[in-house]
Protein backbone atom coordinates (compact mmCIF):
# COMPACT_ATOMS: atom_id res chain seq x y z
CA MET A 1 -11.46 -14.40 -12.38
CA SER A 2 -7.86 -13.31 -13.15
CA LYS A 3 -5.46 -16.19 -13.75
CA TYR A 4 -1.69 -16.08 -13.27
CA ASP A 5 1.31 -18.30 -13.74
CA VAL A 6 2.64 -17.09 -10.37
CA ALA A 7 1.14 -15.19 -7.45
CA VAL A 8 3.39 -13.87 -4.67
CA ILE A 9 1.92 -13.15 -1.23
CA GLY A 10 4.04 -10.41 0.36
CA SER A 11 6.07 -7.62 -1.23
CA GLY A 12 9.22 -7.49 0.90
CA PRO A 13 12.72 -8.05 -0.50
CA GLY A 14 11.88 -11.72 -1.03
CA GLY A 15 8.46 -11.24 -2.56
CA TYR A 16 9.10 -8.33 -4.89
CA VAL A 17 12.38 -9.82 -6.16
CA ALA A 18 10.61 -13.15 -6.78
CA ALA A 19 7.90 -11.33 -8.72
CA ILE A 20 10.39 -9.40 -10.84
CA ARG A 21 12.43 -12.49 -11.68
CA CYS A 22 9.28 -14.47 -12.56
CA ALA A 23 8.18 -11.65 -14.87
CA GLN A 24 11.65 -11.47 -16.46
CA LEU A 25 11.37 -15.19 -17.19
CA GLY A 26 8.09 -14.71 -19.06
CA MET A 27 5.54 -15.65 -16.38
CA LYS A 28 2.32 -13.72 -15.86
CA THR A 29 2.79 -12.54 -12.30
CA ALA A 30 0.72 -11.01 -9.50
CA ILE A 31 1.87 -9.71 -6.13
CA ILE A 32 -0.37 -9.24 -3.10
CA GLU A 33 0.44 -6.82 -0.27
CA LYS A 34 -1.81 -6.15 2.72
CA TYR A 35 -0.39 -2.65 3.35
CA ASN A 36 -0.77 0.36 1.07
CA THR A 37 2.95 0.54 0.34
CA LEU A 38 5.19 -2.13 -1.14
CA GLY A 39 8.52 -3.26 0.29
CA GLY A 40 7.54 -5.16 3.42
CA THR A 41 9.23 -4.77 6.80
CA CYS A 42 12.65 -4.02 5.32
CA LEU A 43 11.71 -0.96 3.31
CA ASN A 44 8.96 0.40 5.56
CA VAL A 45 9.86 -0.35 9.19
CA GLY A 46 13.23 -2.15 9.09
CA CYS A 47 16.46 -1.96 7.11
CA ILE A 48 15.89 1.30 5.22
CA PRO A 49 14.42 3.59 7.92
CA SER A 50 16.86 2.33 10.55
CA LYS A 51 19.82 3.08 8.27
CA ALA A 52 18.43 6.55 7.57
CA LEU A 53 18.33 7.27 11.32
CA LEU A 54 21.75 5.68 11.86
CA ASP A 55 23.24 7.98 9.21
CA SER A 56 21.49 11.11 10.51
CA SER A 57 22.53 10.43 14.11
CA HIS A 58 26.09 9.66 12.95
CA HIS A 59 26.30 13.07 11.26
CA TYR A 60 25.12 14.73 14.48
CA GLU A 61 27.62 12.83 16.61
CA ASP A 62 30.46 13.74 14.24
CA ALA A 63 29.45 17.40 14.39
CA ILE A 64 29.43 17.61 18.19
CA LYS A 65 32.37 15.29 18.90
CA HIS A 66 34.76 15.18 15.96
CA PHE A 67 34.46 18.26 13.73
CA GLU A 68 36.69 20.37 15.97
CA GLU A 69 39.64 17.98 15.72
CA HIS A 70 39.32 18.19 11.92
CA GLY A 71 39.60 21.96 12.14
CA ILE A 72 35.91 22.56 11.51
CA GLU A 73 34.47 25.19 13.85
CA ILE A 74 30.74 25.84 13.93
CA PRO A 75 29.69 29.04 15.72
CA GLY A 76 26.81 28.69 18.13
CA GLU A 77 25.14 25.62 19.56
CA ILE A 78 24.54 22.56 17.39
CA LYS A 79 20.92 21.50 17.84
CA ILE A 80 18.85 18.48 16.86
CA ASN A 81 15.65 19.03 14.92
CA PHE A 82 14.29 15.58 15.72
CA LYS A 83 11.04 16.18 13.86
CA LYS A 84 13.02 16.97 10.70
CA MET A 85 15.24 13.90 11.22
CA ILE A 86 12.18 11.63 11.41
CA ALA A 87 10.68 13.42 8.39
CA ARG A 88 13.84 12.75 6.36
CA LYS A 89 13.63 9.09 7.34
CA ALA A 90 10.03 8.99 6.14
CA SER A 91 11.05 10.64 2.87
CA VAL A 92 13.75 8.01 2.27
CA VAL A 93 11.20 5.27 2.90
CA GLU A 94 8.70 6.90 0.52
CA GLN A 95 11.26 7.24 -2.28
CA THR A 96 12.32 3.61 -1.85
CA THR A 97 8.82 2.15 -1.78
CA LYS A 98 7.82 4.23 -4.83
CA GLY A 99 10.86 2.68 -6.54
CA ILE A 100 9.29 -0.76 -6.00
CA GLU A 101 6.02 0.49 -7.51
CA PHE A 102 8.01 1.62 -10.57
CA LEU A 103 9.63 -1.81 -10.87
CA MET A 104 6.23 -3.54 -10.68
CA ASN A 105 4.91 -1.35 -13.50
CA LYS A 106 8.08 -1.76 -15.56
CA ASN A 107 7.84 -5.55 -15.35
CA LYS A 108 4.04 -5.60 -15.94
CA ILE A 109 3.32 -7.22 -12.57
CA ASP A 110 -0.25 -6.86 -11.30
CA VAL A 111 -0.33 -5.46 -7.77
CA PHE A 112 -3.23 -6.28 -5.44
CA THR A 113 -3.66 -4.42 -2.15
CA GLY A 114 -5.31 -6.40 0.61
CA MET A 115 -4.92 -9.43 2.86
CA GLY A 116 -4.07 -12.49 0.79
CA SER A 117 -5.31 -15.83 2.12
CA PHE A 118 -5.66 -19.28 0.59
CA LYS A 119 -9.07 -20.56 -0.46
CA ASP A 120 -7.35 -23.71 -1.72
CA ALA A 121 -4.00 -24.63 -3.31
CA THR A 122 -4.57 -22.53 -6.44
CA HIS A 123 -6.94 -19.76 -5.35
CA ILE A 124 -6.17 -16.71 -3.21
CA GLU A 125 -8.80 -14.46 -1.71
CA ILE A 126 -7.72 -10.84 -1.39
CA THR A 127 -9.57 -8.85 1.27
CA GLY A 128 -9.15 -5.11 0.88
CA ASP A 129 -11.49 -2.29 -0.15
CA LYS A 130 -13.22 -4.99 -2.15
CA THR A 131 -12.88 -8.75 -1.86
CA LYS A 132 -11.66 -10.57 -4.93
CA THR A 133 -10.24 -13.97 -5.79
CA ILE A 134 -7.41 -14.78 -8.18
CA GLU A 135 -6.17 -18.10 -9.49
CA ALA A 136 -2.48 -19.02 -9.81
CA GLU A 137 -0.73 -22.09 -11.11
CA ASN A 138 2.11 -21.51 -8.64
CA ILE A 139 2.10 -19.51 -5.41
CA ILE A 140 5.06 -18.09 -3.42
CA ILE A 141 4.53 -17.32 0.26
CA ALA A 142 6.70 -14.33 1.24
CA THR A 143 4.84 -12.99 4.26
CA GLY A 144 7.95 -12.26 6.31
CA SER A 145 8.18 -11.83 10.08
CA LYS A 146 7.16 -9.60 12.94
CA PRO A 147 8.90 -8.64 16.19
CA SER A 148 8.88 -11.25 18.95
CA THR A 149 8.21 -10.50 22.57
CA LEU A 150 8.34 -12.36 25.88
CA PRO A 151 5.15 -13.93 27.28
CA PHE A 152 5.04 -11.69 30.35
CA ILE A 153 5.57 -8.42 28.45
CA THR A 154 2.62 -6.31 27.33
CA LEU A 155 3.61 -4.18 24.35
CA ASP A 156 1.61 -0.96 24.64
CA LYS A 157 3.49 0.48 21.62
CA GLU A 158 3.79 3.80 23.44
CA ARG A 159 6.43 3.28 26.13
CA VAL A 160 6.96 -0.47 25.86
CA ILE A 161 7.80 -0.69 22.18
CA THR A 162 9.24 -2.76 19.35
CA SER A 163 11.58 -1.61 16.58
CA THR A 164 8.55 -0.47 14.54
CA GLU A 165 7.60 2.16 17.12
CA ALA A 166 11.24 3.04 17.87
CA LEU A 167 11.58 4.26 14.28
CA LYS A 168 8.82 6.85 14.63
CA LEU A 169 9.12 8.29 18.14
CA THR A 170 8.14 11.94 18.53
CA GLU A 171 10.74 12.66 21.21
CA ILE A 172 14.24 11.59 22.16
CA PRO A 173 14.08 9.25 25.18
CA LYS A 174 15.77 10.27 28.41
CA HIS A 175 16.63 6.64 29.24
CA MET A 176 15.90 3.79 26.84
CA VAL A 177 16.16 0.29 28.31
CA VAL A 178 16.82 -2.17 25.49
CA ILE A 179 15.94 -5.82 26.12
CA GLY A 180 18.18 -7.84 23.83
CA GLY A 181 21.75 -7.31 22.63
CA GLY A 182 21.18 -8.42 19.06
CA VAL A 183 21.42 -6.50 15.81
CA ILE A 184 18.19 -4.47 16.02
CA GLY A 185 18.55 -3.49 19.67
CA LEU A 186 22.16 -2.36 19.23
CA GLU A 187 21.45 -0.34 16.08
CA LEU A 188 18.47 1.53 17.51
CA GLY A 189 20.16 1.83 20.90
CA GLN A 190 23.11 3.53 19.21
CA VAL A 191 20.80 5.92 17.31
CA TYR A 192 19.26 7.23 20.52
CA ARG A 193 22.50 7.22 22.49
CA ARG A 194 24.03 9.53 19.85
CA LEU A 195 21.05 11.84 20.19
CA GLY A 196 21.56 12.14 23.95
CA ALA A 197 19.53 9.34 25.52
CA GLU A 198 20.94 7.14 28.26
CA VAL A 199 20.86 3.60 26.87
CA SER A 200 21.02 0.38 28.89
CA VAL A 201 21.21 -2.95 27.03
CA VAL A 202 19.97 -5.93 29.06
CA GLU A 203 21.06 -9.24 27.46
CA TYR A 204 20.26 -12.79 28.59
CA MET A 205 23.42 -14.29 27.04
CA ASP A 206 26.97 -13.64 28.25
CA ARG A 207 27.77 -11.51 25.19
CA ILE A 208 26.11 -9.26 22.63
CA ILE A 209 25.51 -10.39 19.01
CA PRO A 210 25.84 -13.97 20.30
CA THR A 211 25.51 -15.66 16.88
CA MET A 212 28.62 -13.92 15.53
CA ASP A 213 32.28 -14.57 16.30
CA SER A 214 33.07 -13.87 19.97
CA ALA A 215 35.92 -11.53 19.01
CA GLN A 216 33.38 -9.34 17.23
CA SER A 217 31.14 -9.30 20.29
CA LYS A 218 34.01 -8.10 22.48
CA GLU A 219 35.21 -5.45 20.02
CA LEU A 220 31.77 -3.96 19.38
CA MET A 221 30.91 -3.85 23.07
CA LYS A 222 34.20 -2.13 23.82
CA ALA A 223 33.51 0.49 21.15
CA MET A 224 29.91 1.08 22.22
CA LYS A 225 30.93 1.36 25.88
CA LYS A 226 33.25 4.19 24.85
CA GLN A 227 30.22 5.83 23.26
CA GLY A 228 28.37 5.64 26.57
CA VAL A 229 26.09 2.63 26.07
CA LYS A 230 25.74 0.55 29.25
CA PHE A 231 25.63 -3.26 29.03
CA PHE A 232 24.19 -5.76 31.47
CA LEU A 233 25.06 -9.26 30.26
CA SER A 234 23.81 -12.58 31.68
CA HIS A 235 20.69 -10.82 32.93
CA ARG A 236 17.31 -12.58 32.73
CA VAL A 237 14.38 -10.20 32.43
CA SER A 238 11.38 -11.35 34.47
CA ALA A 239 8.96 -8.42 34.35
CA VAL A 240 8.22 -5.16 32.56
CA SER A 241 5.73 -2.70 34.02
CA ARG A 242 4.66 0.86 33.30
CA LYS A 243 3.46 3.66 35.54
CA GLY A 244 2.62 6.81 33.64
CA ASP A 245 5.65 7.78 31.58
CA GLU A 246 7.96 5.52 33.59
CA VAL A 247 8.85 1.94 32.61
CA MET A 248 10.39 -0.55 35.05
CA VAL A 249 12.31 -3.58 33.80
CA THR A 250 13.04 -6.24 36.41
CA ALA A 251 15.96 -8.60 35.76
CA THR A 252 18.09 -11.12 37.63
CA ASP A 253 21.86 -11.23 37.19
CA LYS A 254 24.00 -14.39 37.18
CA LYS A 255 24.32 -14.19 40.98
CA ASP A 256 20.50 -14.24 41.28
CA LYS A 257 20.48 -10.63 42.40
CA GLU A 258 17.38 -8.72 41.30
CA ILE A 259 17.94 -5.40 39.53
CA ILE A 260 15.30 -2.90 38.41
CA PHE A 261 16.03 -0.65 35.43
CA THR A 262 13.89 2.47 35.22
CA GLY A 263 13.49 4.45 32.03
CA ASP A 264 10.94 6.35 29.99
CA TYR A 265 11.04 3.84 27.11
CA CYS A 266 11.65 0.10 26.90
CA LEU A 267 12.63 -1.32 23.51
CA VAL A 268 11.82 -5.04 23.37
CA SER A 269 14.27 -6.47 20.87
CA VAL A 270 14.35 -10.23 21.38
CA GLY A 271 14.21 -11.34 17.77
CA ARG A 272 11.50 -11.86 15.18
CA LYS A 273 9.05 -14.64 14.36
CA ALA A 274 7.53 -15.89 11.13
CA TYR A 275 4.29 -14.16 10.17
CA THR A 276 1.50 -16.40 8.89
CA ASP A 277 -1.52 -14.81 10.59
CA GLY A 278 -4.50 -14.76 8.26
CA LEU A 279 -2.70 -16.73 5.56
CA GLY A 280 -5.08 -19.68 5.74
CA ALA A 281 -2.27 -22.14 5.06
CA ASP A 282 -4.41 -24.99 6.34
CA LYS A 283 -6.98 -24.40 3.57
CA ALA A 284 -4.25 -25.13 1.01
CA GLY A 285 -2.89 -28.03 3.08
CA VAL A 286 0.45 -26.27 3.68
CA LYS A 287 2.34 -27.53 6.74
CA ILE A 288 3.46 -25.08 9.43
CA THR A 289 6.24 -26.16 11.82
CA GLU A 290 6.08 -26.05 15.63
CA ARG A 291 8.05 -22.78 15.43
CA GLY A 292 5.33 -21.25 13.26
CA GLN A 293 7.40 -21.34 10.08
CA VAL A 294 6.30 -22.66 6.70
CA GLU A 295 7.94 -26.04 6.13
CA VAL A 296 9.94 -26.32 2.89
CA ASN A 297 12.37 -28.72 1.19
CA ASP A 298 15.75 -27.85 -0.36
CA HIS A 299 13.97 -26.29 -3.34
CA LEU A 300 11.89 -24.11 -0.98
CA GLN A 301 8.83 -26.12 -2.00
CA THR A 302 6.16 -26.81 0.61
CA ASN A 303 4.42 -30.15 0.97
CA ILE A 304 1.97 -28.86 -1.67
CA SER A 305 3.94 -29.10 -4.93
CA ASN A 306 2.82 -25.80 -6.52
CA ILE A 307 3.32 -23.71 -3.36
CA TYR A 308 6.73 -22.34 -2.31
CA ALA A 309 7.88 -20.18 0.59
CA ILE A 310 10.85 -17.82 1.01
CA GLY A 311 12.45 -15.35 3.42
CA ASP A 312 11.69 -14.82 7.09
CA VAL A 313 8.63 -17.08 7.00
CA ILE A 314 10.88 -20.16 6.58
CA LYS A 315 13.97 -21.48 8.36
CA GLY A 316 17.31 -19.70 8.28
CA PRO A 317 18.64 -16.24 9.11
CA MET A 318 16.09 -13.44 8.84
CA LEU A 319 17.98 -11.28 6.36
CA ALA A 320 16.62 -9.24 3.46
CA HIS A 321 19.34 -10.38 1.07
CA LYS A 322 18.74 -14.03 1.99
CA ALA A 323 15.06 -13.57 1.09
CA SER A 324 15.98 -11.95 -2.23
CA GLU A 325 18.29 -14.83 -3.16
CA GLU A 326 15.53 -17.28 -2.32
CA GLY A 327 13.01 -15.33 -4.40
CA THR A 328 15.33 -15.53 -7.39
CA LEU A 329 15.95 -19.23 -6.78
CA VAL A 330 12.24 -20.13 -6.76
CA ALA A 331 11.55 -18.08 -9.90
CA GLU A 332 14.35 -19.86 -11.75
CA ILE A 333 13.23 -23.29 -10.52
CA LEU A 334 9.75 -22.53 -11.87
CA ALA A 335 11.38 -21.65 -15.20
CA GLY A 336 13.12 -25.05 -15.31
CA GLN A 337 16.56 -23.75 -14.41
CA LYS A 338 18.90 -25.21 -11.76
CA PRO A 339 19.92 -22.36 -9.43
CA HIS A 340 21.54 -22.80 -6.02
CA ILE A 341 22.20 -20.89 -2.81
CA ASN A 342 25.18 -21.48 -0.56
CA TYR A 343 23.67 -20.58 2.82
CA ASN A 344 27.11 -20.68 4.45
CA LEU A 345 28.10 -17.68 2.34
CA ILE A 346 25.23 -15.32 3.12
CA PRO A 347 26.88 -12.46 5.01
CA GLY A 348 25.57 -11.00 8.25
CA VAL A 349 25.97 -7.30 9.08
CA VAL A 350 25.38 -5.05 12.09
CA TYR A 351 25.08 -1.40 10.99
CA THR A 352 26.33 0.19 14.18
CA TRP A 353 29.51 2.28 14.06
CA PRO A 354 31.90 0.60 13.94
CA GLU A 355 30.06 -1.76 11.62
CA VAL A 356 30.26 -5.53 12.08
CA ALA A 357 30.24 -8.02 9.20
CA SER A 358 30.74 -11.76 8.98
CA VAL A 359 30.61 -14.63 6.51
CA GLY A 360 31.34 -18.34 6.83
CA LYS A 361 32.25 -20.17 10.02
CA THR A 362 33.13 -18.57 13.35
CA GLU A 363 36.01 -19.81 15.50
CA GLU A 364 33.47 -21.31 17.89
CA GLN A 365 31.85 -23.30 15.08
CA LEU A 366 35.18 -24.59 13.77
CA LYS A 367 36.24 -25.68 17.25
CA GLU A 368 32.93 -27.42 17.82
CA ALA A 369 33.30 -29.27 14.49
CA ASN A 370 36.94 -30.20 15.31
CA VAL A 371 38.21 -28.47 12.16
CA GLU A 372 41.89 -27.55 12.26
CA TYR A 373 42.29 -23.95 11.18
CA LYS A 374 44.65 -20.98 11.05
CA SER A 375 43.68 -17.50 12.17
CA GLY A 376 45.03 -14.19 10.93
CA GLN A 377 43.91 -10.89 12.44
CA PHE A 378 44.80 -7.29 11.60
CA PRO A 379 43.77 -4.22 13.63
CA MET A 380 42.17 -1.26 11.85
CA ARG A 381 44.28 1.14 13.92
CA ALA A 382 47.36 0.01 11.97
CA LEU A 383 45.92 1.34 8.69
CA GLY A 384 46.86 4.77 7.36
CA ARG A 385 43.30 5.25 6.06
CA SER A 386 41.81 4.49 9.50
CA ARG A 387 44.03 7.05 11.16
CA ALA A 388 43.25 9.62 8.45
CA SER A 389 39.52 9.22 9.02
CA GLY A 390 39.72 8.76 12.79
CA ASP A 391 37.97 5.40 12.62
CA THR A 392 40.50 3.17 14.34
CA ASP A 393 38.23 0.70 16.16
CA GLY A 394 38.00 -2.84 14.87
CA PHE A 395 39.85 -5.56 12.99
CA VAL A 396 39.63 -8.07 10.16
CA LYS A 397 40.03 -11.75 11.04
CA ILE A 398 40.44 -14.51 8.46
CA LEU A 399 40.11 -18.18 9.34
CA SER A 400 41.55 -20.70 6.88
CA ASP A 401 41.88 -24.47 6.74
CA LYS A 402 45.16 -25.57 8.32
CA LYS A 403 45.92 -28.06 5.53
CA THR A 404 44.44 -26.55 2.37
CA ASP A 405 44.51 -22.83 3.32
CA GLU A 406 40.95 -22.44 1.97
CA VAL A 407 39.21 -19.50 3.63
CA LEU A 408 36.53 -20.81 6.03
CA GLY A 409 35.35 -17.60 7.64
CA VAL A 410 35.95 -13.85 7.59
CA HIS A 411 34.92 -11.62 10.50
CA MET A 412 35.23 -7.84 10.53
CA VAL A 413 34.59 -4.89 12.79
CA GLY A 414 35.31 -1.38 11.57
CA ALA A 415 34.40 1.48 9.27
CA ARG A 416 32.61 0.38 6.07
CA VAL A 417 33.01 -3.35 6.73
CA ALA A 418 29.38 -3.80 5.61
CA ASP A 419 30.75 -3.11 2.12
CA LEU A 420 34.12 -4.81 2.63
CA ILE A 421 32.51 -8.17 3.42
CA ALA A 422 31.57 -8.54 -0.26
CA GLU A 423 35.25 -9.19 -1.04
CA ALA A 424 35.25 -12.07 1.41
CA VAL A 425 32.01 -13.51 -0.01
CA THR A 426 33.44 -13.34 -3.55
CA ALA A 427 36.68 -15.01 -2.51
CA MET A 428 34.88 -17.77 -0.64
CA GLU A 429 32.41 -18.39 -3.49
CA PHE A 430 35.46 -19.19 -5.64
CA ARG A 431 36.99 -21.19 -2.77
CA ALA A 432 40.00 -18.90 -2.50
CA SER A 433 42.85 -19.58 -0.11
CA ALA A 434 44.21 -17.00 2.33
CA GLU A 435 47.31 -16.95 0.10
CA ASP A 436 45.14 -15.98 -2.89
CA ILE A 437 43.76 -12.93 -1.06
CA ALA A 438 47.20 -12.06 0.29
CA ARG A 439 48.62 -11.90 -3.24
CA MET A 440 45.88 -9.63 -4.63
CA SER A 441 46.71 -5.93 -4.92
CA HIS A 442 44.61 -3.74 -2.65
CA ALA A 443 44.50 0.02 -3.22
CA HIS A 444 46.33 2.24 -0.73
CA PRO A 445 45.18 3.87 1.47
CA THR A 446 41.90 1.98 1.98
CA TYR A 447 40.12 0.03 4.69
CA ALA A 448 40.31 -2.97 2.34
CA GLU A 449 44.04 -3.24 3.00
CA ALA A 450 43.09 -4.79 6.34
CA VAL A 451 41.66 -7.76 4.43
CA LYS A 452 44.98 -8.32 2.63
CA GLU A 453 46.92 -7.92 5.87
CA ALA A 454 44.66 -10.40 7.72
CA ALA A 455 45.16 -12.86 4.87
CA LEU A 456 48.94 -12.39 5.18
CA ALA A 457 48.64 -12.94 8.93
CA ALA A 458 46.74 -16.18 8.31
CA THR A 459 49.43 -17.31 5.86
CA ASP A 460 52.51 -18.03 7.96
CA ASP A 461 52.04 -14.86 10.03
CA ARG A 462 53.28 -12.58 7.23
CA ALA A 463 51.36 -9.37 7.99
CA LEU A 464 53.52 -6.42 6.93
CA HIS A 465 52.23 -3.55 9.02
CA ILE A 466 52.06 -5.00 12.54
């Protein structure tokens, strides 16, 4: 029987990063993945393929809507080769997952393909082409999550689909009804809207992306409405049925009026839930919470001292980069180091266009906690770079403590804010004040100037360009 210092169950951004860091720190490491490719949800059916389709559809939309104003004339009709677009997405996924294979080999990590389940607290049975058992002194659970649904919805994965199926359709929908106005539904809804589908977003809450700052919700909805996406907020879905190629979604609005949405596809995008099916956690004595998550302490240690859990399978935001940070943290704890994660400073991003990015506290959270704060906001349309590129939607908002001026939250909507948010995270990690950011030189002309201007606005209303 093979023996290891550490065995990782799951090869997503949490699992594979944990394995690499353990190997770097001198531990004999194994990683177990039930699918034939490494990378988990993120690389195979999540972050990477969705961004590939977002970029491809963005290029198409630019070509049909914006090239002419830039003086670019294309003779003849611009057509979509959807099969080729999906094939490119698959190629990006393949390149990325093969990159993880390379990293496993480089770091001398043993890879086992098959379903990993506990026999006891130190032994894992791997069921694949052949069944084998390995022994590990320490085990990291990184089994991730899967799409959630509603109890009355039957997912046939043909017309009533999750994000997994939405990434590999063979045709462009005529009308896609999206249940849920969160990150995944909005991103995939925008992909298919750009390609010509009618898209209706049905959301139970009174705003989209409800966990982010309300100003971001309003700005993104305004931008996506201009793009032709239809929104139905405060609508409670009660039934989804299918007849042939037609899907009917029944919902009730806030006045208790019943509305039926009819489309050829229904994307159910109501969040994700921890995945522990087949793990056999009970055989190791590992506690699972009422929400189906693995229970951990502040060191991400389960109630069984040599077993840890990270990523989507535990509490907290279901974000790839959060899982990676946790994988690194556990590896370093096992090596006797004292790492830490500041969960308040893990950024959240929506990869629509305009992009949405956020870190720290929202205005709603600060009000609820009775924290006195200042707010500075700067519109993207006031930037020379935004006008030059034609991307004028959005803003940067900085919230700072009224007494100390320490930055408490930064919320952005606009072009490339998924990258810009890193400046805010860096500043907040070093507990910068709005004045500190305001006094830093930002290159001109860039989108980043909006961060400086928002900081100036938060510091005695000193913004220069509005």
